[in-house]
Amino acid sequence: MVRSRTVTAVVGLVGSLLVSALLWWYFDTVAFFLFVPFVPFLFRRGEPDEPVRECPACGFRTTDDAYEYCPRDGTRLE
C-alpha cells in the first residue's frame, strides 16, 4: 500500500508540472511551481475527533484515557 506522503509528493509534483506546462504554453515562458504543501488540504479526510477531557481547576487537557485525574493538582477530569 502506498503511503500518504508518497501520494502527496507525486500528486504535488504532477500538478506542478501541469501548471508549469500550461503557463509555458500560454505565456511562452518557463515557470515552475511546487504545490506539494497544498495537496494535503485537498485529500484531508474527516477523521472523528477524539474526546478531550479537561481539568476544571487548571485547564489541563488530554485525549489519553490513561489520565483519570489531573497530573498537576489531582482534580478529577471532566
Protein backbone atom coordinates (compact mmCIF):
# COMPACT_ATOMS: atom_id res chain seq x y z
CA MET A 1 0.00 0.00 0.00
CA VAL A 2 1.31 3.42 -0.94
CA ARG A 3 1.86 5.75 1.99
CA SER A 4 0.03 9.07 2.05
CA ARG A 5 3.29 11.04 1.96
CA THR A 6 4.26 9.37 -1.30
CA VAL A 7 0.85 10.06 -2.82
CA THR A 8 1.07 13.69 -1.66
CA ALA A 9 4.50 14.13 -3.22
CA VAL A 10 3.51 12.52 -6.52
CA VAL A 11 0.26 14.49 -6.85
CA GLY A 12 2.05 17.72 -5.95
CA LEU A 13 4.81 17.18 -8.49
CA VAL A 14 2.42 16.17 -11.26
CA GLY A 15 0.22 19.18 -10.53
CA SER A 16 3.25 21.45 -10.52
CA LEU A 17 4.42 20.11 -13.86
CA LEU A 18 0.96 20.52 -15.40
CA VAL A 19 0.63 24.11 -14.20
CA SER A 20 4.14 24.87 -15.42
CA ALA A 21 3.39 23.36 -18.83
CA LEU A 22 0.16 25.35 -19.15
CA LEU A 23 1.92 28.58 -18.21
CA TRP A 24 4.71 27.84 -20.68
CA TRP A 25 2.19 27.18 -23.44
CA TYR A 26 0.08 30.24 -22.66
CA PHE A 27 2.78 32.83 -21.80
CA ASP A 28 5.70 31.25 -23.68
CA THR A 29 7.93 31.45 -20.63
CA VAL A 30 9.46 28.95 -18.24
CA ALA A 31 7.76 28.73 -14.85
CA PHE A 32 7.86 26.08 -12.17
CA PHE A 33 5.51 25.92 -9.20
CA LEU A 34 5.66 23.42 -6.39
CA PHE A 35 2.25 22.62 -4.90
CA VAL A 36 3.31 19.82 -2.54
CA PRO A 37 2.46 21.77 0.66
CA PHE A 38 -1.11 22.41 -0.51
CA VAL A 39 -2.02 18.86 -1.53
CA PRO A 40 -2.78 17.53 1.99
CA PHE A 41 -5.61 20.05 2.30
CA LEU A 42 -7.21 18.56 -0.80
CA PHE A 43 -7.08 14.96 0.43
CA ARG A 44 -7.91 15.57 4.09
CA ARG A 45 -10.44 13.10 5.39
CA GLY A 46 -12.94 13.88 8.09
CA GLU A 47 -11.39 11.91 10.90
CA PRO A 48 -13.51 11.59 14.03
CA ASP A 49 -12.38 13.83 16.84
CA GLU A 50 -11.18 12.15 19.99
CA PRO A 51 -12.97 13.17 23.17
CA VAL A 52 -10.99 15.76 25.10
CA ARG A 53 -11.01 15.60 28.88
CA GLU A 54 -10.27 18.76 30.82
CA CYS A 55 -9.39 19.69 34.38
CA PRO A 56 -11.88 22.26 35.69
CA ALA A 57 -9.34 23.71 38.13
CA CYS A 58 -6.26 24.36 35.99
CA GLY A 59 -7.36 23.76 32.38
CA PHE A 60 -5.14 20.72 31.69
CA ARG A 61 -6.48 18.92 28.58
CA THR A 62 -5.81 15.41 27.27
CA THR A 63 -7.22 12.83 24.86
CA ASP A 64 -5.41 9.96 26.60
CA ASP A 65 -7.70 7.60 28.52
CA ALA A 66 -4.88 6.78 30.93
CA TYR A 67 -5.48 10.04 32.77
CA GLU A 68 -8.42 9.93 35.15
CA TYR A 69 -7.09 12.68 37.37
CA CYS A 70 -5.15 15.85 36.56
CA PRO A 71 -1.38 15.28 36.93
CA ARG A 72 -0.93 18.87 38.14
CA ASP A 73 -3.39 19.11 41.03
CA GLY A 74 -5.19 15.74 41.29
CA THR A 75 -8.63 17.02 40.32
CA ARG A 76 -10.86 14.53 38.50
CA LEU A 77 -11.01 15.25 34.75
CA GLU A 78 -14.34 16.04 33.14
